[in-house]
């Protein structure tokens, strides 16, 4: 049931999709640049934990309600878009202030943010993204046979996605962390925060303009 032909098809498809850059990758890079490897890893874990939420609501049919209800879909869409724009505005404000990024791992003595901040940012950016809801609703059922327990199989597939996505994102965290001394320079941090903030705001606007499928 779990290691059938469909599973290997799912593994290939989800790996290719994971390697495609998006909001998750951008947020991991942003938070690693801001608070070092610790923040990047926590962000990745939080983002991927949201996959289990999507798998559960998809299996229970809640996603179908969101797809069929324009009002429900638009509420979730605007919440997600607003959150991305808020994160982007914060990055732009940080770029304007011109402070160095707190790369604590390299001995730059800056106060670390609470562990709950990267966890919250990562989790909410994933859970409030209606594109992930739609993706899981359309994608997961293709790999669940009629006789399979839908919830168990959905969580199993989400677990595979969790592992693959974390391996990829934590690899990105380590690459960004290795460049910490360079990223800690004031002009580099301003440029990175400004670019990240701009892209996050644009992602948020694009999401807000997304039409219900």
Protein backbone atom coordinates (compact mmCIF):
# COMPACT_ATOMS: atom_id res chain seq x y z
CA UNK A 1 0.00 0.00 0.00
CA UNK A 2 2.80 2.45 0.91
CA UNK A 3 5.64 1.30 -1.40
CA UNK A 4 3.70 0.53 -4.55
CA UNK A 5 4.31 1.88 -8.05
CA UNK A 6 2.33 5.00 -7.22
CA UNK A 7 4.69 5.76 -4.35
CA UNK A 8 7.75 5.90 -6.61
CA UNK A 9 5.88 8.14 -9.03
CA UNK A 10 4.97 10.40 -6.12
CA UNK A 11 8.60 10.43 -4.92
CA UNK A 12 9.91 11.60 -8.28
CA UNK A 13 7.17 14.20 -8.73
CA UNK A 14 7.42 15.68 -5.24
CA UNK A 15 11.22 15.83 -5.43
CA UNK A 16 11.11 17.80 -8.68
CA UNK A 17 8.46 20.13 -7.27
CA UNK A 18 10.46 20.66 -4.07
CA UNK A 19 13.49 21.79 -6.04
CA UNK A 20 11.44 24.55 -7.68
CA UNK A 21 12.19 27.87 -5.89
CA UNK A 22 9.25 29.64 -4.26
CA UNK A 23 8.15 31.47 -1.13
CA UNK A 24 9.40 28.69 1.15
CA UNK A 25 12.93 28.86 -0.26
CA UNK A 26 12.92 32.64 -0.05
CA UNK A 27 11.77 32.64 3.57
CA UNK A 28 14.41 30.08 4.56
CA UNK A 29 17.15 32.21 2.97
CA UNK A 30 15.79 35.37 4.60
CA UNK A 31 15.63 33.89 8.10
CA UNK A 32 19.02 32.19 7.81
CA UNK A 33 20.52 35.52 6.77
CA UNK A 34 18.78 37.22 9.67
CA UNK A 35 19.52 34.82 12.51
CA UNK A 36 21.95 32.18 11.32
CA UNK A 37 21.68 28.44 10.80
CA UNK A 38 19.44 27.95 13.82
CA UNK A 39 16.72 30.24 12.49
CA UNK A 40 16.98 28.72 9.02
CA UNK A 41 16.57 25.17 10.28
CA UNK A 42 13.64 26.15 12.52
CA UNK A 43 11.97 27.93 9.59
CA UNK A 44 12.38 24.85 7.38
CA UNK A 45 10.96 22.53 10.04
CA UNK A 46 7.99 24.86 10.60
CA UNK A 47 7.26 25.23 6.89
CA UNK A 48 7.32 21.48 6.37
CA UNK A 49 5.18 20.85 9.46
CA UNK A 50 2.43 22.78 7.72
CA UNK A 51 2.31 20.02 5.09
CA UNK A 52 0.67 17.71 7.63
CA UNK A 53 -2.08 20.27 8.14
CA UNK A 54 -2.74 20.40 4.40
CA UNK A 55 -2.65 16.60 4.14
CA UNK A 56 -5.18 16.29 6.97
CA UNK A 57 -7.64 18.86 5.64
CA UNK A 58 -7.30 17.40 2.16
CA UNK A 59 -8.09 13.89 3.39
CA UNK A 60 -11.05 15.11 5.46
CA UNK A 61 -12.48 17.04 2.52
CA UNK A 62 -12.07 20.51 4.00
CA UNK A 63 -10.02 21.52 0.97
CA UNK A 64 -13.00 20.66 -1.21
CA UNK A 65 -15.06 23.18 0.73
CA UNK A 66 -12.39 25.82 0.14
CA UNK A 67 -12.32 25.01 -3.56
CA UNK A 68 -16.12 25.15 -3.86
CA UNK A 69 -16.64 28.21 -1.69
CA UNK A 70 -15.43 31.48 -3.21
CA UNK A 71 -15.84 33.23 0.15
CA UNK A 72 -13.75 30.70 2.09
CA UNK A 73 -11.06 30.58 -0.56
CA UNK A 74 -10.83 34.38 -0.75
CA UNK A 75 -10.53 34.70 3.04
CA UNK A 76 -7.64 32.22 3.15
CA UNK A 77 -6.07 33.83 0.09
CA UNK A 78 -6.16 37.33 1.58
CA UNK A 79 -4.82 36.12 4.93
CA UNK A 80 -1.89 34.45 3.21
CA UNK A 81 -1.24 37.41 0.92
CA UNK A 82 -1.42 39.85 3.82
CA UNK A 83 1.04 37.79 5.83
CA UNK A 84 3.56 37.64 2.98
CA UNK A 85 3.25 41.39 2.42
CA UNK A 86 3.73 41.99 6.15
CA UNK A 87 6.93 39.91 6.13
CA UNK A 88 8.11 41.81 3.05
CA UNK A 89 7.43 45.21 4.59
CA UNK A 90 9.40 44.18 7.69
CA UNK A 91 12.36 43.23 5.49
CA UNK A 92 12.13 46.52 3.59
CA UNK A 93 12.02 48.43 6.88
CA UNK A 94 15.11 46.55 8.07
CA UNK A 95 16.89 47.39 4.81
CA UNK A 96 16.00 51.07 5.25
CA UNK A 97 17.39 51.08 8.81
CA UNK A 98 20.60 49.65 7.43
CA UNK A 99 21.45 47.36 10.32
CA UNK A 100 23.70 44.34 9.87
CA UNK A 101 22.12 40.94 9.88
CA UNK A 102 22.48 39.17 13.25
CA UNK A 103 24.75 36.34 12.11
CA UNK A 104 25.29 34.94 15.58
CA UNK A 105 26.97 31.79 14.27
CA UNK A 106 29.93 33.85 13.09
CA UNK A 107 30.41 35.71 16.33
CA UNK A 108 28.60 38.87 15.38
CA UNK A 109 27.24 39.95 18.72
CA UNK A 110 23.61 40.63 18.02
CA UNK A 111 20.65 39.60 20.09
CA UNK A 112 18.98 36.50 18.69
CA UNK A 113 15.28 36.53 18.04
CA UNK A 114 13.05 34.14 19.93
CA UNK A 115 12.85 30.61 18.53
CA UNK A 116 9.11 31.13 18.17
CA UNK A 117 9.57 33.83 15.51
CA UNK A 118 11.07 31.62 12.75
CA UNK A 119 8.74 28.80 13.78
CA UNK A 120 5.69 31.05 13.52
CA UNK A 121 6.80 32.67 10.27
CA UNK A 122 7.52 29.35 8.59
CA UNK A 123 4.37 27.60 9.77
CA UNK A 124 1.97 30.42 8.95
CA UNK A 125 3.52 31.12 5.54
CA UNK A 126 2.77 27.52 4.57
CA UNK A 127 -0.60 26.99 6.25
CA UNK A 128 -2.02 30.29 5.00
CA UNK A 129 -1.03 29.61 1.41
CA UNK A 130 -4.15 28.55 -0.53
CA UNK A 131 -1.96 27.35 -3.39
CA UNK A 132 -0.66 24.59 -1.13
CA UNK A 133 -4.24 23.69 -0.18
CA UNK A 134 -5.20 23.44 -3.84
CA UNK A 135 -2.01 21.56 -4.70
CA UNK A 136 -2.54 18.92 -2.01
CA UNK A 137 -6.20 18.56 -2.89
CA UNK A 138 -5.40 17.99 -6.56
CA UNK A 139 -2.11 16.11 -6.17
CA UNK A 140 -2.42 13.67 -3.26
CA UNK A 141 -5.61 11.84 -4.39
CA UNK A 142 -3.75 10.70 -7.51
CA UNK A 143 -1.58 8.51 -5.29
CA UNK A 144 -4.32 7.15 -3.01
CA UNK A 145 -6.07 3.99 -4.18
CA UNK A 146 -9.82 3.58 -3.50
CA UNK A 147 -9.15 0.96 -0.80
CA UNK A 148 -6.48 2.95 1.03
CA UNK A 149 -7.24 4.74 4.33
CA UNK A 150 -7.27 8.30 3.00
CA UNK A 151 -6.04 10.09 6.13
CA UNK A 152 -3.24 7.62 6.89
CA UNK A 153 -2.02 7.56 3.30
CA UNK A 154 -2.20 11.37 3.02
CA UNK A 155 -0.12 11.80 6.19
CA UNK A 156 2.35 9.18 4.95
CA UNK A 157 2.81 11.04 1.66
CA UNK A 158 3.10 14.35 3.53
CA UNK A 159 5.79 12.74 5.69
CA UNK A 160 7.78 11.85 2.58
CA UNK A 161 7.38 15.42 1.36
CA UNK A 162 8.44 16.66 4.82
CA UNK A 163 11.72 14.73 4.68
CA UNK A 164 12.59 15.70 1.09
CA UNK A 165 11.72 19.37 1.57
CA UNK A 166 13.71 19.59 4.80
CA UNK A 167 16.78 17.98 3.25
CA UNK A 168 16.66 20.49 0.40
CA UNK A 169 15.93 23.54 2.53
CA UNK A 170 18.45 22.69 5.25
CA UNK A 171 21.04 22.26 2.49
CA UNK A 172 20.22 25.82 1.45
CA UNK A 173 20.50 26.92 5.09
CA UNK A 174 24.01 25.46 5.35
CA UNK A 175 25.10 27.14 2.12
CA UNK A 176 23.80 30.51 3.29
CA UNK A 177 25.32 29.93 6.74
CA UNK A 178 28.73 29.28 5.20
CA UNK A 179 28.61 32.78 3.71
CA UNK A 180 27.72 34.35 7.06
CA UNK A 181 30.72 36.69 7.32
CA UNK A 182 29.96 38.12 3.90
CA UNK A 183 26.24 38.40 4.66
CA UNK A 184 27.00 40.19 7.93
CA UNK A 185 28.41 43.19 6.04
CA UNK A 186 26.08 46.16 6.30
CA UNK A 187 25.74 46.88 2.57
CA UNK A 188 25.16 43.21 1.76
CA UNK A 189 22.53 42.84 4.48
CA UNK A 190 20.69 45.95 3.26
CA UNK A 191 20.72 44.70 -0.31
CA UNK A 192 19.53 41.21 0.68
CA UNK A 193 16.79 42.51 2.99
CA UNK A 194 15.64 44.95 0.33
CA UNK A 195 15.55 42.33 -2.42
CA UNK A 196 13.85 39.76 -0.17
CA UNK A 197 11.28 42.27 1.05
CA UNK A 198 10.45 43.35 -2.49
CA UNK A 199 9.99 39.76 -3.69
CA UNK A 200 7.85 38.84 -0.66
CA UNK A 201 5.59 41.84 -1.26
CA UNK A 202 5.29 40.90 -4.94
CA UNK A 203 4.50 37.30 -3.99
CA UNK A 204 1.82 38.59 -1.64
CA UNK A 205 0.27 40.82 -4.29
CA UNK A 206 0.34 37.98 -6.83
CA UNK A 207 -1.34 35.69 -4.31
CA UNK A 208 -4.00 38.31 -3.54
CA UNK A 209 -4.83 38.52 -7.25
CA UNK A 210 -5.04 34.73 -7.65
CA UNK A 211 -8.44 33.61 -8.90
CA UNK A 212 -10.24 30.62 -7.42
CA UNK A 213 -9.62 27.52 -9.57
